[in-house]
Protein backbone atom coordinates (compact mmCIF):
# COMPACT_ATOMS: atom_id res chain seq x y z
CA MET A 1 2.23 42.41 11.79
CA LEU A 2 -0.75 44.96 13.46
CA THR A 3 0.30 48.54 14.95
CA GLY A 4 -1.51 51.29 16.05
CA ASP A 5 -1.93 53.54 19.37
CA ILE A 6 -3.09 51.74 22.50
CA GLY A 7 -6.29 51.34 22.70
CA SER A 8 -6.99 51.63 18.78
CA GLY A 9 -8.16 48.05 18.87
CA LYS A 10 -5.23 45.96 17.50
CA SER A 11 -6.02 43.14 20.07
CA THR A 12 -9.89 42.87 19.19
CA ILE A 13 -9.13 42.61 15.86
CA VAL A 14 -7.13 39.67 16.81
CA ASP A 15 -9.23 38.21 19.20
CA ALA A 16 -12.19 38.89 16.22
CA LEU A 17 -9.89 36.54 13.98
CA THR A 18 -9.60 33.68 16.80
CA THR A 19 -13.11 33.32 17.05
CA LEU A 20 -13.56 32.83 13.44
CA LEU A 21 -11.24 29.79 13.01
CA VAL A 22 -10.31 28.81 16.64
CA PRO A 23 -13.18 27.54 19.03
CA SER A 24 -14.27 29.11 22.04
CA HIS A 25 -12.52 26.62 24.62
CA LYS A 26 -9.15 27.01 23.18
CA ALA A 27 -9.47 30.79 22.98
CA ALA A 28 -7.64 33.54 25.03
CA TYR A 29 -9.03 36.90 24.14
CA ASN A 30 -6.35 40.36 24.75
CA LYS A 31 -3.57 37.83 24.90
CA ALA A 32 -1.68 40.04 22.43
CA ALA A 33 -1.92 42.80 24.99
CA GLY A 34 -1.00 40.87 27.93
CA ALA A 35 -3.77 40.42 29.71
CA ASP A 36 -4.99 38.46 31.94
CA ALA A 37 -7.44 35.54 31.03
CA LYS A 38 -10.92 36.80 32.93
CA GLU A 39 -10.47 40.29 31.69
CA ARG A 40 -12.04 39.37 27.84
CA THR A 41 -14.57 37.38 26.72
CA LEU A 42 -16.63 36.25 24.43
CA ARG A 43 -19.97 36.98 26.42
CA SER A 44 -18.25 40.65 27.18
CA TYR A 45 -17.50 41.50 23.24
CA VAL A 46 -21.41 40.11 22.26
CA GLU A 47 -22.32 42.62 24.90
CA GLY A 48 -19.69 45.74 24.26
CA HIS A 49 -18.85 46.31 27.88
CA TYR A 50 -16.69 49.62 27.52
CA LYS A 51 -16.57 50.23 31.28
CA SER A 52 -17.50 48.67 34.92
CA GLU A 53 -19.92 50.85 37.40
CA ARG A 54 -19.93 50.20 41.03
CA ASN A 55 -22.66 50.25 42.95
CA GLU A 56 -22.72 52.18 45.91
CA ALA A 57 -24.58 49.99 48.05
CA THR A 58 -22.84 46.79 47.85
CA GLY A 59 -19.34 48.23 46.61
CA LYS A 60 -19.38 45.73 44.37
CA SER A 61 -18.80 46.78 40.42
CA ARG A 62 -20.53 45.22 36.93
CA PRO A 63 -20.04 45.86 33.73
CA LYS A 64 -21.60 48.34 31.55
CA GLY A 65 -22.54 46.57 28.02
CA LEU A 66 -23.60 48.91 25.49
CA ARG A 67 -26.02 45.92 23.95
CA GLU A 68 -27.56 44.75 26.88
CA ASN A 69 -31.45 44.26 24.81
CA LYS A 70 -31.79 40.42 24.49
CA ARG A 71 -32.75 40.69 21.41
CA THR A 72 -29.54 42.32 19.80
CA TYR A 73 -27.11 40.65 18.16
CA SER A 74 -23.38 40.51 17.12
CA VAL A 75 -21.69 39.23 13.73
CA ILE A 76 -18.25 38.62 13.06
CA LEU A 77 -17.43 37.95 9.37
CA GLY A 78 -14.28 37.75 7.52
CA VAL A 79 -13.39 37.33 3.78
CA PHE A 80 -10.51 35.38 2.55
CA HIS A 81 -9.63 36.02 -0.67
CA ASN A 82 -7.27 33.70 -2.74
CA HIS A 83 -5.96 36.27 -5.88
CA GLY A 84 -4.06 33.40 -7.79
CA HIS A 85 -6.86 30.84 -7.91
CA ASP A 86 -10.03 33.49 -8.15
CA GLU A 87 -11.49 31.86 -5.33
CA THR A 88 -13.58 33.88 -1.95
CA VAL A 89 -14.30 32.33 1.22
CA THR A 90 -16.87 33.97 3.80
CA LEU A 91 -16.84 32.97 7.39
CA ALA A 92 -18.98 34.04 10.18
CA GLN A 93 -20.67 33.96 13.23
CA VAL A 94 -23.18 35.28 14.63
CA PHE A 95 -23.71 35.79 18.44
CA GLN A 96 -26.93 36.78 20.73
CA GLN A 97 -27.08 36.50 24.60
CA ARG A 98 -30.36 35.90 25.55
CA GLU A 99 -29.42 34.30 29.44
CA SER A 100 -27.74 36.61 31.55
CA THR A 101 -25.00 34.79 32.75
CA GLY A 102 -23.09 32.18 30.51
CA GLN A 103 -21.73 32.07 27.00
CA PRO A 104 -23.96 33.71 23.78
CA TYR A 105 -25.76 31.88 21.78
CA ARG A 106 -24.12 31.53 18.27
CA PHE A 107 -24.55 29.27 14.35
CA PHE A 108 -21.87 29.07 12.49
CA VAL A 109 -21.92 30.34 8.85
CA THR A 110 -19.75 29.71 5.79
CA GLY A 111 -19.60 30.79 1.68
CA ALA A 112 -17.56 30.44 -1.25
CA LYS A 113 -18.46 33.90 -2.11
CA GLU A 114 -17.85 37.19 -0.61
CA LEU A 115 -20.76 37.90 1.89
CA SER A 116 -20.94 41.31 4.13
CA ILE A 117 -22.60 42.47 7.08
CA ALA A 118 -24.72 44.78 5.37
CA THR A 119 -26.25 43.11 2.56
CA ASP A 120 -26.65 39.46 3.80
CA PHE A 121 -27.34 40.09 7.67
CA ALA A 122 -29.46 43.18 8.22
CA ASP A 123 -32.81 43.63 7.14
CA PHE A 124 -34.69 40.33 8.11
CA GLY A 125 -36.79 41.16 11.45
CA THR A 126 -36.48 40.27 14.73
CA ASP A 127 -36.13 36.40 14.39
CA LEU A 128 -32.76 34.91 13.86
CA ARG A 129 -33.73 31.91 12.05
CA ASP A 130 -35.56 33.72 9.28
CA LEU A 131 -31.35 35.39 9.19
CA ARG A 132 -30.78 31.13 9.14
CA LYS A 133 -33.48 30.59 6.01
CA ARG A 134 -31.92 33.79 4.15
CA LEU A 135 -28.51 32.52 4.34
CA ARG A 136 -28.86 29.23 2.91
CA SER A 137 -31.59 30.55 0.32
CA ALA A 138 -28.29 32.81 -0.67
CA GLY A 139 -25.55 29.10 -0.65
CA ALA A 140 -25.00 29.70 2.65
CA ASP A 141 -23.83 26.74 4.95
CA VAL A 142 -24.95 26.88 8.28
CA PHE A 143 -23.89 25.06 11.26
CA ASP A 144 -24.74 25.01 15.42
CA ASP A 145 -21.11 23.44 16.06
CA PHE A 146 -18.12 23.97 16.17
CA PRO A 147 -16.63 21.21 14.76
CA LYS A 148 -18.81 20.87 11.86
CA TYR A 149 -18.31 24.34 10.88
CA ALA A 150 -14.06 24.18 11.59
CA THR A 151 -14.62 21.38 8.60
CA SER A 152 -15.93 22.96 6.56
CA LEU A 153 -13.84 26.23 7.01
CA ARG A 154 -11.17 24.20 6.39
CA ARG A 155 -11.82 22.58 3.23
CA LEU A 156 -12.00 26.12 1.82
CA LEU A 157 -9.33 27.28 2.78
CA GLY A 158 -6.87 24.27 2.47
CA ILE A 159 -5.70 23.91 5.81
CA ARG A 160 -5.03 20.34 6.06
CA SER A 161 -4.97 20.22 9.44
CA GLU A 162 -6.50 21.27 12.64
CA GLN A 163 -3.24 21.70 14.14
CA ALA A 164 -2.19 24.64 11.57
CA LEU A 165 -4.97 26.34 13.48
CA GLU A 166 -3.55 25.83 16.96
CA LEU A 167 -0.25 27.44 15.66
CA PHE A 168 -1.99 30.22 14.28
CA HIS A 169 -3.93 30.64 17.79
CA GLN A 170 -0.94 30.51 19.55
CA THR A 171 1.73 32.77 17.03
CA VAL A 172 -1.16 35.47 16.05
CA SER A 173 -0.65 36.95 19.12
CA MET A 174 2.98 36.26 20.52
CA LYS A 175 5.12 38.16 22.05
CA SER A 176 7.00 36.21 23.39
CA VAL A 177 8.81 32.55 23.94
CA GLY A 178 9.10 31.14 26.78
CA ASN A 179 10.83 26.98 26.33
CA LEU A 180 10.91 26.89 22.37
CA ASN A 181 11.60 22.91 23.00
CA ASP A 182 7.68 23.42 24.77
CA PHE A 183 6.33 25.63 22.28
CA VAL A 184 7.08 23.51 19.11
CA ARG A 185 6.14 20.77 21.12
CA ASP A 186 2.76 21.59 22.50
CA HIS A 187 1.52 23.51 19.11
CA MET A 188 4.03 22.65 15.45
CA LEU A 189 4.06 18.11 16.48
CA GLU A 190 0.43 16.62 15.92
CA PRO A 191 -0.18 15.04 19.36
CA SER A 192 0.96 11.05 19.35
CA ASP A 193 0.35 8.06 22.11
CA ALA A 194 3.91 7.87 22.51
CA SER A 195 3.13 4.51 24.66
CA ALA A 196 1.41 2.04 22.44
CA ARG A 197 4.75 3.61 20.08
CA VAL A 198 6.97 2.24 22.49
CA ALA A 199 4.83 -0.86 23.55
CA ASP A 200 5.00 -1.64 19.83
CA ILE A 201 8.19 -1.43 19.42
CA ILE A 202 8.79 -3.18 22.41
CA GLY A 203 6.16 -6.07 20.60
CA HIS A 204 8.20 -6.17 17.73
CA PHE A 205 11.67 -7.03 19.35
CA ASP A 206 10.05 -9.11 20.95
CA ASP A 207 8.43 -10.69 18.35
CA LEU A 208 12.67 -10.18 16.72
CA THR A 209 14.20 -12.31 19.80
CA LYS A 210 11.41 -15.27 19.29
CA ALA A 211 12.25 -15.03 15.60
CA HIS A 212 16.07 -14.86 16.01
CA ASP A 213 15.71 -17.90 18.88
CA ALA A 214 13.18 -20.18 16.60
CA VAL A 215 16.37 -19.31 13.85
CA LYS A 216 18.85 -20.54 16.09
CA ARG A 217 16.97 -23.86 17.03
CA ALA A 218 16.41 -24.89 13.13
CA ARG A 219 20.00 -24.06 12.21
CA GLU A 220 20.46 -26.20 14.95
CA GLN A 221 18.35 -28.67 14.55
CA LEU A 222 19.67 -29.20 10.67
CA GLU A 223 22.77 -29.61 12.05
CA ALA A 224 21.88 -32.57 13.99
CA LEU A 225 20.10 -34.02 11.40
CA GLN A 226 22.69 -33.51 8.96
CA PRO A 227 24.53 -37.34 8.40
CA ILE A 228 21.48 -38.63 8.49
CA VAL A 229 20.71 -36.53 5.15
CA ASP A 230 24.12 -37.27 4.27
CA THR A 231 23.26 -41.28 4.92
CA ALA A 232 19.95 -40.81 3.30
CA ALA A 233 22.06 -39.35 0.16
CA LYS A 234 24.62 -42.30 0.03
CA TYR A 235 21.91 -44.79 0.28
CA ASP A 236 19.73 -43.22 -2.58
CA ALA A 237 23.11 -42.98 -4.74
CA ALA A 238 23.87 -47.10 -3.97
CA HIS A 239 20.08 -47.62 -4.63
CA SER A 240 20.38 -45.66 -7.82
CA GLU A 241 23.09 -47.52 -8.94
CA ARG A 242 22.30 -50.77 -7.83
CA GLY A 243 18.99 -50.74 -9.83
CA GLY A 244 21.55 -49.37 -13.20
CA LEU A 245 23.10 -52.74 -12.40
CA GLU A 246 20.26 -54.79 -11.87
CA SER A 247 18.68 -53.31 -15.04
CA GLU A 248 21.71 -54.17 -17.11
CA ARG A 249 22.10 -57.68 -15.83
CA SER A 250 18.58 -58.16 -17.52
CA ALA A 251 19.92 -56.36 -20.07
CA VAL A 252 22.32 -58.80 -21.01
CA ARG A 253 21.33 -62.18 -22.14
CA LEU A 254 19.24 -60.21 -24.53
CA PHE A 255 21.94 -58.54 -25.31
CA ILE A 256 24.40 -61.70 -26.06
CA ALA A 257 20.65 -63.31 -27.79
CA GLU A 258 20.64 -60.13 -29.98
CA LEU A 259 24.29 -60.79 -30.63
CA ARG A 260 24.41 -63.95 -31.35
CA SER A 261 21.52 -63.65 -33.91
CA GLY A 262 24.32 -61.18 -35.83
CA LEU A 263 26.96 -63.58 -35.48
CA LEU A 264 25.16 -67.14 -36.78
CA THR A 265 23.03 -64.59 -39.83
CA ALA A 266 26.28 -63.74 -41.09
CA GLU A 267 27.54 -67.72 -40.59
CA ILE A 268 24.11 -68.94 -42.10
CA ALA A 269 24.82 -65.92 -45.10
CA ARG A 270 28.54 -67.16 -45.60
CA LEU A 271 27.55 -71.09 -45.18
CA GLU A 272 24.91 -70.13 -48.24
CA ALA A 273 27.14 -68.52 -50.28
CA ASP A 274 29.25 -71.63 -49.87
CA GLY A 275 26.43 -73.77 -50.42
CA ALA A 276 25.65 -71.95 -53.62
CA ALA A 277 29.06 -72.24 -55.05
CA LEU A 278 29.29 -75.86 -54.23
CA TRP A 279 25.93 -76.59 -56.38
CA GLN A 280 27.91 -74.63 -58.81
CA ARG A 281 30.54 -77.10 -59.52
CA GLN A 282 28.67 -80.15 -58.94
CA ASP A 283 26.28 -78.89 -61.70
CA ALA A 284 29.91 -78.43 -63.47
CA ALA A 285 31.09 -81.15 -62.65
CA GLU A 286 28.29 -83.48 -63.62
CA ALA A 287 27.57 -81.67 -67.15
CA HIS A 288 31.45 -82.84 -67.44
CA GLN A 289 30.90 -86.49 -66.61
CA ARG A 290 27.75 -86.23 -68.75
CA LYS A 291 30.49 -85.00 -71.30
CA LEU A 292 33.16 -87.67 -70.68
CA THR A 293 29.83 -90.37 -70.89
CA GLN A 294 29.91 -88.91 -74.51
CA ASP A 295 32.99 -89.20 -75.41
CA ARG A 296 33.48 -92.32 -73.70
CA GLU A 297 30.06 -93.76 -75.78
CA ALA A 298 31.59 -91.74 -79.42
CA LEU A 299 35.20 -93.79 -78.90
CA SER A 300 33.64 -97.31 -77.89
CA GLU A 301 31.42 -97.22 -81.21
CA GLU A 302 34.37 -96.07 -82.79
CA ARG A 303 36.51 -98.93 -81.84
CA ALA A 304 34.16 -100.80 -83.13
CA LYS A 305 33.72 -99.91 -86.07
CA ALA A 306 37.68 -99.73 -86.48
CA GLY A 307 37.33 -103.82 -85.50
CA GLY A 308 37.01 -103.53 -81.92
CA ASP A 309 33.84 -105.36 -81.85
CA ARG A 310 35.84 -108.36 -83.15
CA ILE A 311 37.94 -108.72 -80.00
CA GLY A 312 34.46 -109.26 -78.59
CA GLU A 313 33.98 -111.96 -80.75
CA LEU A 314 37.53 -113.63 -80.71
C-alpha cells in the first residue's frame, strides 16, 4: 500500500511498475488517481510533461515537457530481491522520443544481478547502441520487443502464468470493483474457448449415444442368435458323445480278443498242468507194469523150479 499527499508521486510509482511488467497496449496510466485514460501516456512520461501552455494566436494548449531534446533518454529500473533464496533480478527499460508524435523508441533489459542507473545506464556517450553493448558485456539481456522481454522476466521472477501479470495490473491501482464476478472472470481466470469445449462435449455425447445404440443392437443380435448357439452346443455335445461311442465300439473287438486270450492262456496253463500230472501217472503205471512183469517172470521161474514145467511136459 502506498500512502502520501496529493501530487507526491504515488500514481507515478504505480505507472512505473506497470510499465516494467505490462505491455504498453494494456497499460492504463494514472488509473490509481481516477484520471482519464488519455491524461497520462508513455510519451508524456518520457518527455516529462509538467504543464500546458496556451497559444494566444490559435487558442489551443500544448503540453510543456522537461525533456524535449530528441537526444535525451529516460530509464525505468526496478531491482527485485528474494531474501529466502538470496537472488536478485533487475528489470529496466530505456526510452527515447525520436519523433514529434507517436510512442517513444525503447528497448528492454533483464539481468540476474543488481544494476543501477547511475553506474550501468550513464556515461556511455550519445548513442544508445553503445549502451546496449555495455549492458550485454555486463551480462544483461537486451530485447527489442516486449514478448521476449516478458518471457525473460517471468522466468527470472518465477511467474508461471501471464495471467498473473494481468491480475497484478488490474489490482495494483484498484480503488473499487464494480462487479466481482466480471472482475474474477476477466482478470483471474485463464481465457478459454468454451465453444470448442461445448463442441467436444456434444461430439462426445454423440459418440456415447452411438456406442450405446451399438451395444443395444449387439445385445439384441446376441439374444436372437442364442437359440442357434444352444443348438450348436447340443450338436457339438452329441457329436462328441458319438465319437466316444464309436471309439468304444472299435475297441470292443480288441477287448474281447484280449479277454479270450487271457481265458485261453489260463486254460492252457491248467491243461498243461493236468497233462504233466497224467504223464507222471503214465510213467508210474509203466513202472508198475514193468515191476509186475518182472514179478510174473519171477513167479513163472519159481513155478518151473517147483515142477511147474512138468505140467507142460505132460
